[in-house]
Amino acid sequence: MDPFVTKILEQSLPLGFAVIAVITLFRMYVAEKTYNRERDKKQVEVLAQLIEVVKLRLEQQKEDMKNLRSDIEKLQK
């Protein structure tokens, strides 16, 4: 796994940070005018890893919201 992606996972950085990283890397990738197969392959791999991080964060956030709702319902009873 790319060190940048690992750092995002280790520090539990917010979902927004991971999304911004995906958008930024994708824009950099699209903006490149030269073709370099090795670099392109690496950029796509990092993007795929970051997208996976975003998916994991979304799932975690969804679970947190579920737990929060159940806690609120318990407190209201």
PDB file of N, CA and C in Angstrom:
ATOM      1  N   MET A   1       0.847  -1.175   0.000  1.00  0.00           N
ATOM      2  CA  MET A   1       0.000   0.000   0.000  1.00  0.00           C
ATOM      3  C   MET A   1       0.893   1.238   0.000  1.00  0.00           C
ATOM      4  N   ASP A   2       0.448   2.247  -0.685  1.00  0.00           N
ATOM      5  CA  ASP A   2       1.194   3.486  -0.785  1.00  0.00           C
ATOM      6  C   ASP A   2       1.336   4.135   0.599  1.00  0.00           C
ATOM      7  N   PRO A   3       2.511   4.721   0.900  1.00  0.00           N
ATOM      8  CA  PRO A   3       2.729   5.346   2.214  1.00  0.00           C
ATOM      9  C   PRO A   3       1.702   6.452   2.530  1.00  0.00           C
ATOM     10  N   PHE A   4       1.298   7.195   1.531  1.00  0.00           N
ATOM     11  CA  PHE A   4       0.314   8.259   1.712  1.00  0.00           C
ATOM     12  C   PHE A   4      -1.021   7.676   2.171  1.00  0.00           C
ATOM     13  N   VAL A   5      -1.428   6.602   1.526  1.00  0.00           N
ATOM     14  CA  VAL A   5      -2.694   5.943   1.882  1.00  0.00           C
ATOM     15  C   VAL A   5      -2.582   5.336   3.275  1.00  0.00           C
ATOM     16  N   THR A   6      -1.450   4.733   3.566  1.00  0.00           N
ATOM     17  CA  THR A   6      -1.224   4.143   4.880  1.00  0.00           C
ATOM     18  C   THR A   6      -1.325   5.208   5.973  1.00  0.00           C
ATOM     19  N   LYS A   7      -0.774   6.372   5.699  1.00  0.00           N
ATOM     20  CA  LYS A   7      -0.827   7.466   6.670  1.00  0.00           C
ATOM     21  C   LYS A   7      -2.274   7.889   6.934  1.00  0.00           C
ATOM     22  N   ILE A   8      -3.075   7.946   5.879  1.00  0.00           N
ATOM     23  CA  ILE A   8      -4.492   8.296   6.047  1.00  0.00           C
ATOM     24  C   ILE A   8      -5.182   7.258   6.932  1.00  0.00           C
ATOM     25  N   LEU A   9      -4.902   5.989   6.691  1.00  0.00           N
ATOM     26  CA  LEU A   9      -5.526   4.924   7.486  1.00  0.00           C
ATOM     27  C   LEU A   9      -5.054   4.948   8.936  1.00  0.00           C
ATOM     28  N   GLU A  10      -3.734   5.086   9.148  1.00  0.00           N
ATOM     29  CA  GLU A  10      -3.173   5.044  10.493  1.00  0.00           C
ATOM     30  C   GLU A  10      -3.679   6.192  11.359  1.00  0.00           C
ATOM     31  N   GLN A  11      -3.805   7.365  10.769  1.00  0.00           N
ATOM     32  CA  GLN A  11      -4.182   8.532  11.558  1.00  0.00           C
ATOM     33  C   GLN A  11      -5.689   8.739  11.624  1.00  0.00           C
ATOM     34  N   SER A  12      -6.425   7.846  11.005  1.00  0.00           N
ATOM     35  CA  SER A  12      -7.886   7.964  10.985  1.00  0.00           C
ATOM     36  C   SER A  12      -8.315   9.371  10.584  1.00  0.00           C
ATOM     37  N   LEU A  13      -7.698   9.867   9.537  1.00  0.00           N
ATOM     38  CA  LEU A  13      -8.048  11.196   9.058  1.00  0.00           C
ATOM     39  C   LEU A  13      -9.483  11.211   8.568  1.00  0.00           C
ATOM     40  N   PRO A  14     -10.118  12.350   8.628  1.00  0.00           N
ATOM     41  CA  PRO A  14     -11.534  12.435   8.254  1.00  0.00           C
ATOM     42  C   PRO A  14     -11.804  12.012   6.815  1.00  0.00           C
ATOM     43  N   LEU A  15     -13.032  11.609   6.596  1.00  0.00           N
ATOM     44  CA  LEU A  15     -13.476  11.183   5.273  1.00  0.00           C
ATOM     45  C   LEU A  15     -13.229  12.272   4.234  1.00  0.00           C
ATOM     46  N   GLY A  16     -13.501  13.509   4.597  1.00  0.00           N
ATOM     47  CA  GLY A  16     -13.320  14.630   3.671  1.00  0.00           C
ATOM     48  C   GLY A  16     -11.900  14.722   3.158  1.00  0.00           C
ATOM     49  N   PHE A  17     -10.929  14.440   4.013  1.00  0.00           N
ATOM     50  CA  PHE A  17      -9.533  14.483   3.608  1.00  0.00           C
ATOM     51  C   PHE A  17      -9.250  13.433   2.536  1.00  0.00           C
ATOM     52  N   ALA A  18      -9.781  12.235   2.744  1.00  0.00           N
ATOM     53  CA  ALA A  18      -9.573  11.162   1.771  1.00  0.00           C
ATOM     54  C   ALA A  18     -10.248  11.492   0.436  1.00  0.00           C
ATOM     55  N   VAL A  19     -11.439  12.070   0.496  1.00  0.00           N
ATOM     56  CA  VAL A  19     -12.150  12.443  -0.731  1.00  0.00           C
ATOM     57  C   VAL A  19     -11.374  13.527  -1.484  1.00  0.00           C
ATOM     58  N   ILE A  20     -10.884  14.519  -0.755  1.00  0.00           N
ATOM     59  CA  ILE A  20     -10.094  15.587  -1.390  1.00  0.00           C
ATOM     60  C   ILE A  20      -8.833  15.002  -2.020  1.00  0.00           C
ATOM     61  N   ALA A  21      -8.206  14.054  -1.346  1.00  0.00           N
ATOM     62  CA  ALA A  21      -7.005  13.415  -1.896  1.00  0.00           C
ATOM     63  C   ALA A  21      -7.331  12.685  -3.195  1.00  0.00           C
ATOM     64  N   VAL A  22      -8.454  11.972  -3.227  1.00  0.00           N
ATOM     65  CA  VAL A  22      -8.858  11.262  -4.446  1.00  0.00           C
ATOM     66  C   VAL A  22      -9.069  12.254  -5.586  1.00  0.00           C
ATOM     67  N   ILE A  23      -9.811  13.321  -5.306  1.00  0.00           N
ATOM     68  CA  ILE A  23     -10.090  14.319  -6.351  1.00  0.00           C
ATOM     69  C   ILE A  23      -8.804  14.965  -6.835  1.00  0.00           C
ATOM     70  N   THR A  24      -7.935  15.337  -5.909  1.00  0.00           N
ATOM     71  CA  THR A  24      -6.672  15.995  -6.276  1.00  0.00           C
ATOM     72  C   THR A  24      -5.801  15.080  -7.130  1.00  0.00           C
ATOM     73  N   LEU A  25      -5.637  13.843  -6.692  1.00  0.00           N
ATOM     74  CA  LEU A  25      -4.799  12.914  -7.463  1.00  0.00           C
ATOM     75  C   LEU A  25      -5.399  12.630  -8.834  1.00  0.00           C
ATOM     76  N   PHE A  26      -6.723  12.515  -8.888  1.00  0.00           N
ATOM     77  CA  PHE A  26      -7.368  12.263 -10.179  1.00  0.00           C
ATOM     78  C   PHE A  26      -7.159  13.451 -11.111  1.00  0.00           C
ATOM     79  N   ARG A  27      -7.304  14.657 -10.596  1.00  0.00           N
ATOM     80  CA  ARG A  27      -7.104  15.851 -11.427  1.00  0.00           C
ATOM     81  C   ARG A  27      -5.663  15.944 -11.904  1.00  0.00           C
ATOM     82  N   MET A  28      -4.712  15.602 -11.031  1.00  0.00           N
ATOM     83  CA  MET A  28      -3.294  15.613 -11.435  1.00  0.00           C
ATOM     84  C   MET A  28      -3.064  14.579 -12.536  1.00  0.00           C
ATOM     85  N   TYR A  29      -3.689  13.416 -12.365  1.00  0.00           N
ATOM     86  CA  TYR A  29      -3.537  12.335 -13.336  1.00  0.00           C
ATOM     87  C   TYR A  29      -4.083  12.757 -14.702  1.00  0.00           C
ATOM     88  N   VAL A  30      -5.252  13.377 -14.710  1.00  0.00           N
ATOM     89  CA  VAL A  30      -5.885  13.810 -15.959  1.00  0.00           C
ATOM     90  C   VAL A  30      -5.110  14.961 -16.594  1.00  0.00           C
ATOM     91  N   ALA A  31      -4.524  15.821 -15.764  1.00  0.00           N
ATOM     92  CA  ALA A  31      -3.815  16.999 -16.267  1.00  0.00           C
ATOM     93  C   ALA A  31      -2.483  16.650 -16.932  1.00  0.00           C
ATOM     94  N   GLU A  32      -1.933  15.485 -16.611  1.00  0.00           N
ATOM     95  CA  GLU A  32      -0.654  15.087 -17.199  1.00  0.00           C
ATOM     96  C   GLU A  32      -0.791  14.937 -18.715  1.00  0.00           C
ATOM     97  N   LYS A  33       0.099  15.571 -19.427  1.00  0.00           N
ATOM     98  CA  LYS A  33       0.041  15.514 -20.897  1.00  0.00           C
ATOM     99  C   LYS A  33       0.929  14.398 -21.463  1.00  0.00           C
ATOM    100  N   THR A  34       1.914  13.991 -20.697  1.00  0.00           N
ATOM    101  CA  THR A  34       2.842  12.980 -21.188  1.00  0.00           C
ATOM    102  C   THR A  34       2.387  11.589 -20.770  1.00  0.00           C
ATOM    103  N   TYR A  35       2.778  10.617 -21.539  1.00  0.00           N
ATOM    104  CA  TYR A  35       2.397   9.236 -21.259  1.00  0.00           C
ATOM    105  C   TYR A  35       3.593   8.517 -20.655  1.00  0.00           C
ATOM    106  N   ASN A  36       3.416   8.015 -19.462  1.00  0.00           N
ATOM    107  CA  ASN A  36       4.455   7.251 -18.779  1.00  0.00           C
ATOM    108  C   ASN A  36       3.762   6.069 -18.117  1.00  0.00           C
ATOM    109  N   ARG A  37       3.877   4.924 -18.731  1.00  0.00           N
ATOM    110  CA  ARG A  37       3.122   3.750 -18.287  1.00  0.00           C
ATOM    111  C   ARG A  37       3.365   3.406 -16.812  1.00  0.00           C
ATOM    112  N   GLU A  38       4.608   3.461 -16.379  1.00  0.00           N
ATOM    113  CA  GLU A  38       4.926   3.096 -14.998  1.00  0.00           C
ATOM    114  C   GLU A  38       4.322   4.090 -14.004  1.00  0.00           C
ATOM    115  N   ARG A  39       4.466   5.377 -14.288  1.00  0.00           N
ATOM    116  CA  ARG A  39       3.905   6.408 -13.411  1.00  0.00           C
ATOM    117  C   ARG A  39       2.380   6.331 -13.410  1.00  0.00           C
ATOM    118  N   ASP A  40       1.789   6.169 -14.582  1.00  0.00           N
ATOM    119  CA  ASP A  40       0.334   6.083 -14.685  1.00  0.00           C
ATOM    120  C   ASP A  40      -0.203   4.893 -13.888  1.00  0.00           C
ATOM    121  N   LYS A  41       0.498   3.776 -13.987  1.00  0.00           N
ATOM    122  CA  LYS A  41       0.081   2.581 -13.262  1.00  0.00           C
ATOM    123  C   LYS A  41       0.108   2.852 -11.755  1.00  0.00           C
ATOM    124  N   LYS A  42       1.159   3.508 -11.288  1.00  0.00           N
ATOM    125  CA  LYS A  42       1.300   3.821  -9.863  1.00  0.00           C
ATOM    126  C   LYS A  42       0.189   4.777  -9.414  1.00  0.00           C
ATOM    127  N   GLN A  43      -0.101   5.799 -10.220  1.00  0.00           N
ATOM    128  CA  GLN A  43      -1.148   6.759  -9.865  1.00  0.00           C
ATOM    129  C   GLN A  43      -2.517   6.088  -9.792  1.00  0.00           C
ATOM    130  N   VAL A  44      -2.780   5.205 -10.712  1.00  0.00           N
ATOM    131  CA  VAL A  44      -4.064   4.496 -10.707  1.00  0.00           C
ATOM    132  C   VAL A  44      -4.154   3.582  -9.480  1.00  0.00           C
ATOM    133  N   GLU A  45      -3.049   2.951  -9.121  1.00  0.00           N
ATOM    134  CA  GLU A  45      -3.043   2.095  -7.930  1.00  0.00           C
ATOM    135  C   GLU A  45      -3.331   2.913  -6.662  1.00  0.00           C
ATOM    136  N   VAL A  46      -2.693   4.071  -6.555  1.00  0.00           N
ATOM    137  CA  VAL A  46      -2.908   4.930  -5.392  1.00  0.00           C
ATOM    138  C   VAL A  46      -4.361   5.416  -5.360  1.00  0.00           C
ATOM    139  N   LEU A  47      -4.886   5.799  -6.518  1.00  0.00           N
ATOM    140  CA  LEU A  47      -6.287   6.225  -6.582  1.00  0.00           C
ATOM    141  C   LEU A  47      -7.218   5.102  -6.129  1.00  0.00           C
ATOM    142  N   ALA A  48      -6.947   3.901  -6.582  1.00  0.00           N
ATOM    143  CA  ALA A  48      -7.782   2.759  -6.198  1.00  0.00           C
ATOM    144  C   ALA A  48      -7.721   2.529  -4.686  1.00  0.00           C
ATOM    145  N   GLN A  49      -6.531   2.657  -4.120  1.00  0.00           N
ATOM    146  CA  GLN A  49      -6.388   2.488  -2.674  1.00  0.00           C
ATOM    147  C   GLN A  49      -7.138   3.581  -1.913  1.00  0.00           C
ATOM    148  N   LEU A  50      -7.029   4.807  -2.399  1.00  0.00           N
ATOM    149  CA  LEU A  50      -7.729   5.916  -1.738  1.00  0.00           C
ATOM    150  C   LEU A  50      -9.242   5.754  -1.838  1.00  0.00           C
ATOM    151  N   ILE A  51      -9.702   5.301  -2.975  1.00  0.00           N
ATOM    152  CA  ILE A  51     -11.144   5.070  -3.135  1.00  0.00           C
ATOM    153  C   ILE A  51     -11.602   3.989  -2.159  1.00  0.00           C
ATOM    154  N   GLU A  52     -10.782   2.989  -1.956  1.00  0.00           N
ATOM    155  CA  GLU A  52     -11.106   1.940  -0.988  1.00  0.00           C
ATOM    156  C   GLU A  52     -11.175   2.528   0.425  1.00  0.00           C
ATOM    157  N   VAL A  53     -10.258   3.439   0.742  1.00  0.00           N
ATOM    158  CA  VAL A  53     -10.273   4.109   2.048  1.00  0.00           C
ATOM    159  C   VAL A  53     -11.572   4.892   2.213  1.00  0.00           C
ATOM    160  N   VAL A  54     -11.980   5.603   1.164  1.00  0.00           N
ATOM    161  CA  VAL A  54     -13.227   6.370   1.215  1.00  0.00           C
ATOM    162  C   VAL A  54     -14.406   5.425   1.468  1.00  0.00           C
ATOM    163  N   LYS A  55     -14.418   4.297   0.787  1.00  0.00           N
ATOM    164  CA  LYS A  55     -15.499   3.322   0.993  1.00  0.00           C
ATOM    165  C   LYS A  55     -15.525   2.839   2.447  1.00  0.00           C
ATOM    166  N   LEU A  56     -14.340   2.542   2.980  1.00  0.00           N
ATOM    167  CA  LEU A  56     -14.267   2.079   4.367  1.00  0.00           C
ATOM    168  C   LEU A  56     -14.750   3.152   5.333  1.00  0.00           C
ATOM    169  N   ARG A  57     -14.335   4.393   5.092  1.00  0.00           N
ATOM    170  CA  ARG A  57     -14.760   5.510   5.955  1.00  0.00           C
ATOM    171  C   ARG A  57     -16.284   5.709   5.882  1.00  0.00           C
ATOM    172  N   LEU A  58     -16.840   5.575   4.688  1.00  0.00           N
ATOM    173  CA  LEU A  58     -18.291   5.723   4.547  1.00  0.00           C
ATOM    174  C   LEU A  58     -19.029   4.633   5.314  1.00  0.00           C
ATOM    175  N   GLU A  59     -18.541   3.414   5.210  1.00  0.00           N
ATOM    176  CA  GLU A  59     -19.153   2.309   5.947  1.00  0.00           C
ATOM    177  C   GLU A  59     -19.052   2.551   7.455  1.00  0.00           C
ATOM    178  N   GLN A  60     -17.888   3.026   7.894  1.00  0.00           N
ATOM    179  CA  GLN A  60     -17.684   3.310   9.311  1.00  0.00           C
ATOM    180  C   GLN A  60     -18.625   4.427   9.768  1.00  0.00           C
ATOM    181  N   GLN A  61     -18.742   5.461   8.946  1.00  0.00           N
ATOM    182  CA  GLN A  61     -19.624   6.576   9.274  1.00  0.00           C
ATOM    183  C   GLN A  61     -21.089   6.121   9.334  1.00  0.00           C
ATOM    184  N   LYS A  62     -21.463   5.246   8.409  1.00  0.00           N
ATOM    185  CA  LYS A  62     -22.824   4.713   8.381  1.00  0.00           C
ATOM    186  C   LYS A  62     -23.119   3.931   9.663  1.00  0.00           C
ATOM    187  N   GLU A  63     -22.165   3.123  10.079  1.00  0.00           N
ATOM    188  CA  GLU A  63     -22.312   2.341  11.304  1.00  0.00           C
ATOM    189  C   GLU A  63     -22.381   3.264  12.524  1.00  0.00           C
ATOM    190  N   ASP A  64     -21.547   4.296  12.546  1.00  0.00           N
ATOM    191  CA  ASP A  64     -21.567   5.256  13.650  1.00  0.00           C
ATOM    192  C   ASP A  64     -22.920   5.954  13.744  1.00  0.00           C
ATOM    193  N   MET A  65     -23.484   6.307  12.604  1.00  0.00           N
ATOM    194  CA  MET A  65     -24.789   6.972  12.594  1.00  0.00           C
ATOM    195  C   MET A  65     -25.886   6.033  13.121  1.00  0.00           C
ATOM    196  N   LYS A  66     -25.802   4.767  12.741  1.00  0.00           N
ATOM    197  CA  LYS A  66     -26.759   3.773  13.232  1.00  0.00           C
ATOM    198  C   LYS A  66     -26.685   3.678  14.754  1.00  0.00           C
ATOM    199  N   ASN A  67     -25.454   3.607  15.259  1.00  0.00           N
ATOM    200  CA  ASN A  67     -25.251   3.512  16.707  1.00  0.00           C
ATOM    201  C   ASN A  67     -25.751   4.767  17.413  1.00  0.00           C
ATOM    202  N   LEU A  68     -25.507   5.905  16.819  1.00  0.00           N
ATOM    203  CA  LEU A  68     -25.951   7.168  17.392  1.00  0.00           C
ATOM    204  C   LEU A  68     -27.476   7.224  17.457  1.00  0.00           C
ATOM    205  N   ARG A  69     -28.124   6.792  16.378  1.00  0.00           N
ATOM    206  CA  ARG A  69     -29.591   6.764  16.362  1.00  0.00           C
ATOM    207  C   ARG A  69     -30.145   5.868  17.465  1.00  0.00           C
ATOM    208  N   SER A  70     -29.553   4.690  17.597  1.00  0.00           N
ATOM    209  CA  SER A  70     -30.049   3.767  18.628  1.00  0.00           C
ATOM    210  C   SER A  70     -29.803   4.341  20.023  1.00  0.00           C
ATOM    211  N   ASP A  71     -28.676   5.022  20.219  1.00  0.00           N
ATOM    212  CA  ASP A  71     -28.407   5.656  21.513  1.00  0.00           C
ATOM    213  C   ASP A  71     -29.427   6.749  21.806  1.00  0.00           C
ATOM    214  N   ILE A  72     -29.751   7.542  20.800  1.00  0.00           N
ATOM    215  CA  ILE A  72     -30.737   8.615  20.969  1.00  0.00           C
ATOM    216  C   ILE A  72     -32.099   8.027  21.297  1.00  0.00           C
ATOM    217  N   GLU A  73     -32.481   6.962  20.591  1.00  0.00           N
ATOM    218  CA  GLU A  73     -33.765   6.318  20.858  1.00  0.00           C
ATOM    219  C   GLU A  73     -33.822   5.768  22.286  1.00  0.00           C
ATOM    220  N   LYS A  74     -32.715   5.202  22.749  1.00  0.00           N
ATOM    221  CA  LYS A  74     -32.673   4.674  24.121  1.00  0.00           C
ATOM    222  C   LYS A  74     -32.833   5.802  25.133  1.00  0.00           C
ATOM    223  N   LEU A  75     -32.192   6.923  24.861  1.00  0.00           N
ATOM    224  CA  LEU A  75     -32.275   8.059  25.785  1.00  0.00           C
ATOM    225  C   LEU A  75     -33.679   8.674  25.806  1.00  0.00           C
ATOM    226  N   GLN A  76     -34.369   8.612  24.684  1.00  0.00           N
ATOM    227  CA  GLN A  76     -35.707   9.190  24.609  1.00  0.00           C
ATOM    228  C   GLN A  76     -36.737   8.345  25.333  1.00  0.00           C
ATOM    229  N   LYS A  77     -36.452   7.060  25.533  1.00  0.00           N
ATOM    230  CA  LYS A  77     -37.408   6.151  26.189  1.00  0.00           C
ATOM    231  C   LYS A  77     -37.367   6.244  27.667  1.00  0.00           C
TER     232      LYS A  77
END
